[in-house]
């Protein structure tokens, strides 16, 4: 029987950080692309709002991956992982609702 090589403990967290970086890059490109459009009018504004919402979702997912990576690294402890609320770039609060 041969030994199966084990991944270093940080390998899963590093993978999550890679996904986090990719999502942040997508969010940045989406916002930059929407800002660079020369299209004007109500339909253009609606399109930009949809793109901004998608960029926000990418950024929120990146926050989740970053949090998960930090938890894997043992940065956050306790029953709730040390995180209760965050504020997104759009200023919306998210996290655990008050009881």
PDB file of N, CA and C in Angstrom:
ATOM      1  N   UNK A   1       0.843  -1.174   0.000  1.00  0.00           N
ATOM      2  CA  UNK A   1       0.000   0.000   0.000  1.00  0.00           C
ATOM      3  C   UNK A   1       0.887   1.236   0.000  1.00  0.00           C
ATOM      4  N   UNK A   2       0.563   2.186  -0.842  1.00  0.00           N
ATOM      5  CA  UNK A   2       1.370   3.399  -0.910  1.00  0.00           C
ATOM      6  C   UNK A   2       0.685   4.510  -0.125  1.00  0.00           C
ATOM      7  N   UNK A   3       1.499   5.395   0.369  1.00  0.00           N
ATOM      8  CA  UNK A   3       0.962   6.550   1.082  1.00  0.00           C
ATOM      9  C   UNK A   3       0.441   7.570   0.082  1.00  0.00           C
ATOM     10  N   UNK A   4      -0.711   8.115   0.372  1.00  0.00           N
ATOM     11  CA  UNK A   4      -1.283   9.165  -0.455  1.00  0.00           C
ATOM     12  C   UNK A   4      -0.742  10.486   0.063  1.00  0.00           C
ATOM     13  N   UNK A   5      -0.142  11.292  -0.826  1.00  0.00           N
ATOM     14  CA  UNK A   5       0.378  12.573  -0.341  1.00  0.00           C
ATOM     15  C   UNK A   5      -0.755  13.444   0.197  1.00  0.00           C
ATOM     16  N   UNK A   6      -0.502  14.035   1.321  1.00  0.00           N
ATOM     17  CA  UNK A   6      -1.493  14.909   1.940  1.00  0.00           C
ATOM     18  C   UNK A   6      -1.205  16.349   1.563  1.00  0.00           C
ATOM     19  N   UNK A   7      -2.254  17.090   1.339  1.00  0.00           N
ATOM     20  CA  UNK A   7      -2.110  18.508   1.044  1.00  0.00           C
ATOM     21  C   UNK A   7      -1.767  19.254   2.322  1.00  0.00           C
ATOM     22  N   UNK A   8      -0.995  20.318   2.203  1.00  0.00           N
ATOM     23  CA  UNK A   8      -0.731  21.118   3.392  1.00  0.00           C
ATOM     24  C   UNK A   8      -2.038  21.682   3.935  1.00  0.00           C
ATOM     25  N   UNK A   9      -2.109  21.943   5.240  1.00  0.00           N
ATOM     26  CA  UNK A   9      -3.360  22.414   5.822  1.00  0.00           C
ATOM     27  C   UNK A   9      -3.910  23.677   5.173  1.00  0.00           C
ATOM     28  N   UNK A  10      -3.069  24.523   4.619  1.00  0.00           N
ATOM     29  CA  UNK A  10      -3.554  25.781   4.050  1.00  0.00           C
ATOM     30  C   UNK A  10      -4.044  25.627   2.611  1.00  0.00           C
ATOM     31  N   UNK A  11      -3.888  24.469   1.995  1.00  0.00           N
ATOM     32  CA  UNK A  11      -4.281  24.300   0.595  1.00  0.00           C
ATOM     33  C   UNK A  11      -5.757  24.608   0.347  1.00  0.00           C
ATOM     34  N   UNK A  12      -6.698  24.097   1.162  1.00  0.00           N
ATOM     35  CA  UNK A  12      -8.102  24.463   0.919  1.00  0.00           C
ATOM     36  C   UNK A  12      -8.336  25.971   1.073  1.00  0.00           C
ATOM     37  N   UNK A  13      -7.727  26.564   2.080  1.00  0.00           N
ATOM     38  CA  UNK A  13      -7.894  28.011   2.283  1.00  0.00           C
ATOM     39  C   UNK A  13      -7.291  28.785   1.112  1.00  0.00           C
ATOM     40  N   UNK A  14      -6.160  28.321   0.596  1.00  0.00           N
ATOM     41  CA  UNK A  14      -5.550  28.988  -0.555  1.00  0.00           C
ATOM     42  C   UNK A  14      -6.462  28.912  -1.777  1.00  0.00           C
ATOM     43  N   UNK A  15      -7.124  27.772  -1.955  1.00  0.00           N
ATOM     44  CA  UNK A  15      -8.072  27.642  -3.061  1.00  0.00           C
ATOM     45  C   UNK A  15      -9.228  28.613  -2.926  1.00  0.00           C
ATOM     46  N   UNK A  16      -9.735  28.755  -1.697  1.00  0.00           N
ATOM     47  CA  UNK A  16     -10.816  29.710  -1.458  1.00  0.00           C
ATOM     48  C   UNK A  16     -10.354  31.137  -1.723  1.00  0.00           C
ATOM     49  N   UNK A  17      -9.117  31.445  -1.318  1.00  0.00           N
ATOM     50  CA  UNK A  17      -8.589  32.789  -1.579  1.00  0.00           C
ATOM     51  C   UNK A  17      -8.443  33.033  -3.079  1.00  0.00           C
ATOM     52  N   UNK A  18      -8.103  31.997  -3.834  1.00  0.00           N
ATOM     53  CA  UNK A  18      -8.029  32.134  -5.293  1.00  0.00           C
ATOM     54  C   UNK A  18      -9.386  32.450  -5.894  1.00  0.00           C
ATOM     55  N   UNK A  19     -10.434  31.740  -5.422  1.00  0.00           N
ATOM     56  CA  UNK A  19     -11.792  32.029  -5.887  1.00  0.00           C
ATOM     57  C   UNK A  19     -12.208  33.444  -5.483  1.00  0.00           C
ATOM     58  N   UNK A  20     -11.825  33.837  -4.278  1.00  0.00           N
ATOM     59  CA  UNK A  20     -12.133  35.182  -3.785  1.00  0.00           C
ATOM     60  C   UNK A  20     -11.521  36.237  -4.711  1.00  0.00           C
ATOM     61  N   UNK A  21     -10.265  36.070  -5.053  1.00  0.00           N
ATOM     62  CA  UNK A  21      -9.583  37.033  -5.924  1.00  0.00           C
ATOM     63  C   UNK A  21     -10.245  37.088  -7.301  1.00  0.00           C
ATOM     64  N   UNK A  22     -10.626  35.920  -7.828  1.00  0.00           N
ATOM     65  CA  UNK A  22     -11.285  35.889  -9.138  1.00  0.00           C
ATOM     66  C   UNK A  22     -12.622  36.622  -9.098  1.00  0.00           C
ATOM     67  N   UNK A  23     -13.394  36.399  -8.033  1.00  0.00           N
ATOM     68  CA  UNK A  23     -14.689  37.079  -7.924  1.00  0.00           C
ATOM     69  C   UNK A  23     -14.525  38.585  -7.761  1.00  0.00           C
ATOM     70  N   UNK A  24     -13.528  39.009  -6.995  1.00  0.00           N
ATOM     71  CA  UNK A  24     -13.286  40.452  -6.842  1.00  0.00           C
ATOM     72  C   UNK A  24     -12.881  41.065  -8.188  1.00  0.00           C
ATOM     73  N   UNK A  25     -12.088  40.321  -8.960  1.00  0.00           N
ATOM     74  CA  UNK A  25     -11.690  40.794 -10.283  1.00  0.00           C
ATOM     75  C   UNK A  25     -12.911  40.914 -11.202  1.00  0.00           C
ATOM     76  N   UNK A  26     -13.802  39.921 -11.153  1.00  0.00           N
ATOM     77  CA  UNK A  26     -15.026  39.981 -11.957  1.00  0.00           C
ATOM     78  C   UNK A  26     -15.859  41.203 -11.576  1.00  0.00           C
ATOM     79  N   UNK A  27     -16.004  41.428 -10.272  1.00  0.00           N
ATOM     80  CA  UNK A  27     -16.798  42.575  -9.809  1.00  0.00           C
ATOM     81  C   UNK A  27     -16.193  43.878 -10.315  1.00  0.00           C
ATOM     82  N   UNK A  28     -14.877  43.983 -10.234  1.00  0.00           N
ATOM     83  CA  UNK A  28     -14.197  45.205 -10.692  1.00  0.00           C
ATOM     84  C   UNK A  28     -14.418  45.410 -12.190  1.00  0.00           C
ATOM     85  N   UNK A  29     -14.255  44.340 -12.973  1.00  0.00           N
ATOM     86  CA  UNK A  29     -14.425  44.455 -14.426  1.00  0.00           C
ATOM     87  C   UNK A  29     -15.869  44.785 -14.792  1.00  0.00           C
ATOM     88  N   UNK A  30     -16.829  44.192 -14.077  1.00  0.00           N
ATOM     89  CA  UNK A  30     -18.228  44.506 -14.342  1.00  0.00           C
ATOM     90  C   UNK A  30     -18.515  45.985 -14.099  1.00  0.00           C
ATOM     91  N   UNK A  31     -18.040  46.488 -12.966  1.00  0.00           N
ATOM     92  CA  UNK A  31     -18.278  47.905 -12.655  1.00  0.00           C
ATOM     93  C   UNK A  31     -17.584  48.822 -13.664  1.00  0.00           C
ATOM     94  N   UNK A  32     -16.358  48.487 -14.023  1.00  0.00           N
ATOM     95  CA  UNK A  32     -15.617  49.313 -14.984  1.00  0.00           C
ATOM     96  C   UNK A  32     -16.289  49.276 -16.353  1.00  0.00           C
ATOM     97  N   UNK A  33     -16.739  48.106 -16.768  1.00  0.00           N
ATOM     98  CA  UNK A  33     -17.410  47.988 -18.058  1.00  0.00           C
ATOM     99  C   UNK A  33     -18.705  48.769 -18.111  1.00  0.00           C
ATOM    100  N   UNK A  34     -19.474  48.702 -17.033  1.00  0.00           N
ATOM    101  CA  UNK A  34     -20.733  49.448 -16.995  1.00  0.00           C
ATOM    102  C   UNK A  34     -20.485  50.953 -17.004  1.00  0.00           C
ATOM    103  N   UNK A  35     -19.454  51.394 -16.309  1.00  0.00           N
ATOM    104  CA  UNK A  35     -19.137  52.826 -16.268  1.00  0.00           C
ATOM    105  C   UNK A  35     -18.648  53.332 -17.625  1.00  0.00           C
ATOM    106  N   UNK A  36     -18.021  52.466 -18.393  1.00  0.00           N
ATOM    107  CA  UNK A  36     -17.448  52.879 -19.682  1.00  0.00           C
ATOM    108  C   UNK A  36     -18.469  52.893 -20.822  1.00  0.00           C
ATOM    109  N   UNK A  37     -19.651  52.349 -20.590  1.00  0.00           N
ATOM    110  CA  UNK A  37     -20.660  52.331 -21.654  1.00  0.00           C
ATOM    111  C   UNK A  37     -21.059  53.747 -22.040  1.00  0.00           C
ATOM    112  N   UNK A  38     -21.179  53.977 -23.323  1.00  0.00           N
ATOM    113  CA  UNK A  38     -21.601  55.289 -23.804  1.00  0.00           C
ATOM    114  C   UNK A  38     -23.095  55.326 -24.083  1.00  0.00           C
ATOM    115  N   UNK A  39     -23.747  54.223 -23.897  1.00  0.00           N
ATOM    116  CA  UNK A  39     -25.177  54.101 -24.101  1.00  0.00           C
ATOM    117  C   UNK A  39     -25.903  54.912 -23.033  1.00  0.00           C
ATOM    118  N   UNK A  40     -26.887  55.693 -23.405  1.00  0.00           N
ATOM    119  CA  UNK A  40     -27.623  56.555 -22.477  1.00  0.00           C
ATOM    120  C   UNK A  40     -29.118  56.284 -22.572  1.00  0.00           C
ATOM    121  N   UNK A  41     -29.824  56.666 -21.546  1.00  0.00           N
ATOM    122  CA  UNK A  41     -31.276  56.527 -21.534  1.00  0.00           C
ATOM    123  C   UNK A  41     -31.742  55.594 -20.440  1.00  0.00           C
ATOM    124  N   UNK A  42     -33.057  55.458 -20.308  1.00  0.00           N
ATOM    125  CA  UNK A  42     -33.623  54.638 -19.242  1.00  0.00           C
ATOM    126  C   UNK A  42     -33.214  53.168 -19.324  1.00  0.00           C
ATOM    127  N   UNK A  43     -33.152  52.630 -20.534  1.00  0.00           N
ATOM    128  CA  UNK A  43     -32.751  51.229 -20.681  1.00  0.00           C
ATOM    129  C   UNK A  43     -31.293  51.050 -20.288  1.00  0.00           C
ATOM    130  N   UNK A  44     -30.459  52.020 -20.603  1.00  0.00           N
ATOM    131  CA  UNK A  44     -29.046  51.953 -20.221  1.00  0.00           C
ATOM    132  C   UNK A  44     -28.904  52.012 -18.703  1.00  0.00           C
ATOM    133  N   UNK A  45     -29.709  52.863 -18.071  1.00  0.00           N
ATOM    134  CA  UNK A  45     -29.665  52.962 -16.612  1.00  0.00           C
ATOM    135  C   UNK A  45     -30.109  51.651 -15.968  1.00  0.00           C
ATOM    136  N   UNK A  46     -31.143  51.032 -16.527  1.00  0.00           N
ATOM    137  CA  UNK A  46     -31.614  49.752 -16.004  1.00  0.00           C
ATOM    138  C   UNK A  46     -30.542  48.669 -16.181  1.00  0.00           C
ATOM    139  N   UNK A  47     -29.888  48.693 -17.338  1.00  0.00           N
ATOM    140  CA  UNK A  47     -28.817  47.723 -17.592  1.00  0.00           C
ATOM    141  C   UNK A  47     -27.669  47.920 -16.593  1.00  0.00           C
ATOM    142  N   UNK A  48     -27.273  49.175 -16.377  1.00  0.00           N
ATOM    143  CA  UNK A  48     -26.199  49.462 -15.419  1.00  0.00           C
ATOM    144  C   UNK A  48     -26.575  49.011 -14.008  1.00  0.00           C
ATOM    145  N   UNK A  49     -27.839  49.183 -13.641  1.00  0.00           N
ATOM    146  CA  UNK A  49     -28.298  48.743 -12.319  1.00  0.00           C
ATOM    147  C   UNK A  49     -28.200  47.227 -12.185  1.00  0.00           C
ATOM    148  N   UNK A  50     -28.552  46.503 -13.251  1.00  0.00           N
ATOM    149  CA  UNK A  50     -28.432  45.036 -13.223  1.00  0.00           C
ATOM    150  C   UNK A  50     -26.971  44.608 -13.119  1.00  0.00           C
ATOM    151  N   UNK A  51     -26.104  45.280 -13.874  1.00  0.00           N
ATOM    152  CA  UNK A  51     -24.673  44.963 -13.821  1.00  0.00           C
ATOM    153  C   UNK A  51     -24.111  45.280 -12.433  1.00  0.00           C
ATOM    154  N   UNK A  52     -24.542  46.398 -11.854  1.00  0.00           N
ATOM    155  CA  UNK A  52     -24.083  46.763 -10.501  1.00  0.00           C
ATOM    156  C   UNK A  52     -24.547  45.720  -9.486  1.00  0.00           C
ATOM    157  N   UNK A  53     -25.776  45.228  -9.634  1.00  0.00           N
ATOM    158  CA  UNK A  53     -26.279  44.194  -8.725  1.00  0.00           C
ATOM    159  C   UNK A  53     -25.461  42.911  -8.867  1.00  0.00           C
ATOM    160  N   UNK A  54     -25.115  42.551 -10.094  1.00  0.00           N
ATOM    161  CA  UNK A  54     -24.290  41.365 -10.318  1.00  0.00           C
ATOM    162  C   UNK A  54     -22.900  41.552  -9.711  1.00  0.00           C
ATOM    163  N   UNK A  55     -22.327  42.742  -9.874  1.00  0.00           N
ATOM    164  CA  UNK A  55     -21.016  43.031  -9.279  1.00  0.00           C
ATOM    165  C   UNK A  55     -21.086  42.950  -7.758  1.00  0.00           C
ATOM    166  N   UNK A  56     -22.175  43.435  -7.171  1.00  0.00           N
ATOM    167  CA  UNK A  56     -22.357  43.327  -5.715  1.00  0.00           C
ATOM    168  C   UNK A  56     -22.434  41.866  -5.277  1.00  0.00           C
ATOM    169  N   UNK A  57     -23.132  41.050  -6.059  1.00  0.00           N
ATOM    170  CA  UNK A  57     -23.232  39.617  -5.724  1.00  0.00           C
ATOM    171  C   UNK A  57     -21.858  38.957  -5.794  1.00  0.00           C
ATOM    172  N   UNK A  58     -21.067  39.316  -6.792  1.00  0.00           N
ATOM    173  CA  UNK A  58     -19.699  38.779  -6.888  1.00  0.00           C
ATOM    174  C   UNK A  58     -18.877  39.194  -5.667  1.00  0.00           C
ATOM    175  N   UNK A  59     -18.984  40.459  -5.285  1.00  0.00           N
ATOM    176  CA  UNK A  59     -18.228  40.958  -4.131  1.00  0.00           C
ATOM    177  C   UNK A  59     -18.675  40.264  -2.848  1.00  0.00           C
ATOM    178  N   UNK A  60     -19.995  40.036  -2.691  1.00  0.00           N
ATOM    179  CA  UNK A  60     -20.502  39.344  -1.508  1.00  0.00           C
ATOM    180  C   UNK A  60     -20.006  37.906  -1.460  1.00  0.00           C
ATOM    181  N   UNK A  61     -20.006  37.249  -2.604  1.00  0.00           N
ATOM    182  CA  UNK A  61     -19.498  35.877  -2.648  1.00  0.00           C
ATOM    183  C   UNK A  61     -18.012  35.853  -2.314  1.00  0.00           C
ATOM    184  N   UNK A  62     -17.270  36.837  -2.799  1.00  0.00           N
ATOM    185  CA  UNK A  62     -15.838  36.928  -2.475  1.00  0.00           C
ATOM    186  C   UNK A  62     -15.650  37.105  -0.979  1.00  0.00           C
ATOM    187  N   UNK A  63     -16.500  37.927  -0.342  1.00  0.00           N
ATOM    188  CA  UNK A  63     -16.429  38.087   1.113  1.00  0.00           C
ATOM    189  C   UNK A  63     -16.642  36.744   1.817  1.00  0.00           C
ATOM    190  N   UNK A  64     -17.595  35.962   1.314  1.00  0.00           N
ATOM    191  CA  UNK A  64     -17.858  34.646   1.901  1.00  0.00           C
ATOM    192  C   UNK A  64     -16.673  33.715   1.769  1.00  0.00           C
ATOM    193  N   UNK A  65     -16.039  33.704   0.592  1.00  0.00           N
ATOM    194  CA  UNK A  65     -14.856  32.865   0.407  1.00  0.00           C
ATOM    195  C   UNK A  65     -13.715  33.321   1.310  1.00  0.00           C
ATOM    196  N   UNK A  66     -13.542  34.632   1.441  1.00  0.00           N
ATOM    197  CA  UNK A  66     -12.476  35.147   2.306  1.00  0.00           C
ATOM    198  C   UNK A  66     -12.723  34.752   3.761  1.00  0.00           C
ATOM    199  N   UNK A  67     -13.975  34.837   4.194  1.00  0.00           N
ATOM    200  CA  UNK A  67     -14.323  34.453   5.559  1.00  0.00           C
ATOM    201  C   UNK A  67     -14.072  32.964   5.780  1.00  0.00           C
ATOM    202  N   UNK A  68     -14.492  32.153   4.826  1.00  0.00           N
ATOM    203  CA  UNK A  68     -14.282  30.708   4.948  1.00  0.00           C
ATOM    204  C   UNK A  68     -12.791  30.378   4.997  1.00  0.00           C
ATOM    205  N   UNK A  69     -11.989  31.048   4.176  1.00  0.00           N
ATOM    206  CA  UNK A  69     -10.541  30.811   4.192  1.00  0.00           C
ATOM    207  C   UNK A  69      -9.954  31.202   5.539  1.00  0.00           C
ATOM    208  N   UNK A  70     -10.398  32.331   6.077  1.00  0.00           N
ATOM    209  CA  UNK A  70      -9.902  32.765   7.386  1.00  0.00           C
ATOM    210  C   UNK A  70     -10.292  31.766   8.467  1.00  0.00           C
ATOM    211  N   UNK A  71     -11.496  31.234   8.381  1.00  0.00           N
ATOM    212  CA  UNK A  71     -11.929  30.243   9.368  1.00  0.00           C
ATOM    213  C   UNK A  71     -11.102  28.964   9.253  1.00  0.00           C
ATOM    214  N   UNK A  72     -10.792  28.554   8.031  1.00  0.00           N
ATOM    215  CA  UNK A  72      -9.945  27.378   7.851  1.00  0.00           C
ATOM    216  C   UNK A  72      -8.548  27.604   8.419  1.00  0.00           C
ATOM    217  N   UNK A  73      -8.084  28.840   8.315  1.00  0.00           N
ATOM    218  CA  UNK A  73      -6.771  29.172   8.857  1.00  0.00           C
ATOM    219  C   UNK A  73      -6.804  29.341  10.371  1.00  0.00           C
ATOM    220  N   UNK A  74      -8.004  29.341  10.965  1.00  0.00           N
ATOM    221  CA  UNK A  74      -8.123  29.483  12.408  1.00  0.00           C
ATOM    222  C   UNK A  74      -8.085  30.913  12.890  1.00  0.00           C
ATOM    223  N   UNK A  75      -8.322  31.869  11.990  1.00  0.00           N
ATOM    224  CA  UNK A  75      -8.275  33.279  12.365  1.00  0.00           C
ATOM    225  C   UNK A  75      -9.469  33.637  13.231  1.00  0.00           C
ATOM    226  N   UNK A  76     -10.651  33.136  12.869  1.00  0.00           N
ATOM    227  CA  UNK A  76     -11.867  33.457  13.610  1.00  0.00           C
ATOM    228  C   UNK A  76     -12.231  32.269  14.479  1.00  0.00           C
ATOM    229  N   UNK A  77     -12.546  32.527  15.716  1.00  0.00           N
ATOM    230  CA  UNK A  77     -12.952  31.460  16.618  1.00  0.00           C
ATOM    231  C   UNK A  77     -14.311  31.736  17.187  1.00  0.00           C
ATOM    232  N   UNK A  78     -14.719  30.893  18.100  1.00  0.00           N
ATOM    233  CA  UNK A  78     -15.985  31.095  18.779  1.00  0.00           C
ATOM    234  C   UNK A  78     -17.139  30.460  18.036  1.00  0.00           C
ATOM    235  N   UNK A  79     -18.298  30.500  18.673  1.00  0.00           N
ATOM    236  CA  UNK A  79     -19.478  29.835  18.136  1.00  0.00           C
ATOM    237  C   UNK A  79     -19.963  30.459  16.839  1.00  0.00           C
ATOM    238  N   UNK A  80     -19.757  31.753  16.659  1.00  0.00           N
ATOM    239  CA  UNK A  80     -20.249  32.430  15.465  1.00  0.00           C
ATOM    240  C   UNK A  80     -19.139  32.781  14.496  1.00  0.00           C
ATOM    241  N   UNK A  81     -17.968  32.244  14.677  1.00  0.00           N
ATOM    242  CA  UNK A  81     -16.886  32.522  13.759  1.00  0.00           C
ATOM    243  C   UNK A  81     -16.323  33.911  13.889  1.00  0.00           C
ATOM    244  N   UNK A  82     -16.727  34.649  14.908  1.00  0.00           N
ATOM    245  CA  UNK A  82     -16.175  35.979  15.126  1.00  0.00           C
ATOM    246  C   UNK A  82     -16.740  37.050  14.220  1.00  0.00           C
ATOM    247  N   UNK A  83     -17.725  36.712  13.385  1.00  0.00           N
ATOM    248  CA  UNK A  83     -18.291  37.690  12.467  1.00  0.00           C
ATOM    249  C   UNK A  83     -19.775  37.804  12.762  1.00  0.00           C
ATOM    250  N   UNK A  84     -20.249  39.016  12.946  1.00  0.00           N
ATOM    251  CA  UNK A  84     -21.675  39.206  13.177  1.00  0.00           C
ATOM    252  C   UNK A  84     -22.316  40.017  12.055  1.00  0.00           C
ATOM    253  N   UNK A  85     -21.675  41.067  11.595  1.00  0.00           N
ATOM    254  CA  UNK A  85     -22.257  41.917  10.551  1.00  0.00           C
ATOM    255  C   UNK A  85     -21.153  42.494   9.684  1.00  0.00           C
ATOM    256  N   UNK A  86     -21.460  42.663   8.409  1.00  0.00           N
ATOM    257  CA  UNK A  86     -20.559  43.323   7.475  1.00  0.00           C
ATOM    258  C   UNK A  86     -21.367  44.328   6.689  1.00  0.00           C
ATOM    259  N   UNK A  87     -20.704  45.288   6.128  1.00  0.00           N
ATOM    260  CA  UNK A  87     -21.366  46.269   5.280  1.00  0.00           C
ATOM    261  C   UNK A  87     -20.785  46.136   3.882  1.00  0.00           C
ATOM    262  N   UNK A  88     -21.659  46.040   2.892  1.00  0.00           N
ATOM    263  CA  UNK A  88     -21.211  45.879   1.514  1.00  0.00           C
ATOM    264  C   UNK A  88     -20.779  47.222   0.947  1.00  0.00           C
ATOM    265  N   UNK A  89     -20.200  47.166  -0.230  1.00  0.00           N
ATOM    266  CA  UNK A  89     -19.763  48.390  -0.904  1.00  0.00           C
ATOM    267  C   UNK A  89     -20.950  49.308  -1.188  1.00  0.00           C
ATOM    268  N   UNK A  90     -22.119  48.721  -1.354  1.00  0.00           N
ATOM    269  CA  UNK A  90     -23.309  49.526  -1.626  1.00  0.00           C
ATOM    270  C   UNK A  90     -23.910  50.102  -0.344  1.00  0.00           C
ATOM    271  N   UNK A  91     -23.313  49.784   0.815  1.00  0.00           N
ATOM    272  CA  UNK A  91     -23.771  50.338   2.069  1.00  0.00           C
ATOM    273  C   UNK A  91     -24.843  49.517   2.769  1.00  0.00           C
ATOM    274  N   UNK A  92     -25.197  48.381   2.176  1.00  0.00           N
ATOM    275  CA  UNK A  92     -26.210  47.539   2.801  1.00  0.00           C
ATOM    276  C   UNK A  92     -25.555  46.665   3.858  1.00  0.00           C
ATOM    277  N   UNK A  93     -26.209  46.545   4.969  1.00  0.00           N
ATOM    278  CA  UNK A  93     -25.708  45.702   6.043  1.00  0.00           C
ATOM    279  C   UNK A  93     -26.139  44.268   5.772  1.00  0.00           C
ATOM    280  N   UNK A  94     -25.271  43.344   6.075  1.00  0.00           N
ATOM    281  CA  UNK A  94     -25.658  41.947   5.969  1.00  0.00           C
ATOM    282  C   UNK A  94     -25.005  41.197   7.102  1.00  0.00           C
ATOM    283  N   UNK A  95     -25.436  40.043   7.328  1.00  0.00           N
ATOM    284  CA  UNK A  95     -24.941  39.253   8.445  1.00  0.00           C
ATOM    285  C   UNK A  95     -26.113  38.702   9.218  1.00  0.00           C
ATOM    286  N   UNK A  96     -25.888  38.323  10.441  1.00  0.00           N
ATOM    287  CA  UNK A  96     -26.949  37.763  11.245  1.00  0.00           C
ATOM    288  C   UNK A  96     -27.968  38.838  11.631  1.00  0.00           C
ATOM    289  N   UNK A  97     -29.259  38.549  11.432  1.00  0.00           N
ATOM    290  CA  UNK A  97     -30.254  39.519  11.859  1.00  0.00           C
ATOM    291  C   UNK A  97     -30.349  39.536  13.384  1.00  0.00           C
ATOM    292  N   UNK A  98     -30.747  40.652  13.970  1.00  0.00           N
ATOM    293  CA  UNK A  98     -30.889  40.697  15.422  1.00  0.00           C
ATOM    294  C   UNK A  98     -31.984  39.753  15.890  1.00  0.00           C
ATOM    295  N   UNK A  99     -31.840  39.242  17.093  1.00  0.00           N
ATOM    296  CA  UNK A  99     -32.859  38.320  17.631  1.00  0.00           C
ATOM    297  C   UNK A  99     -33.927  39.067  18.336  1.00  0.00           C
TER     298      UNK A  99
END
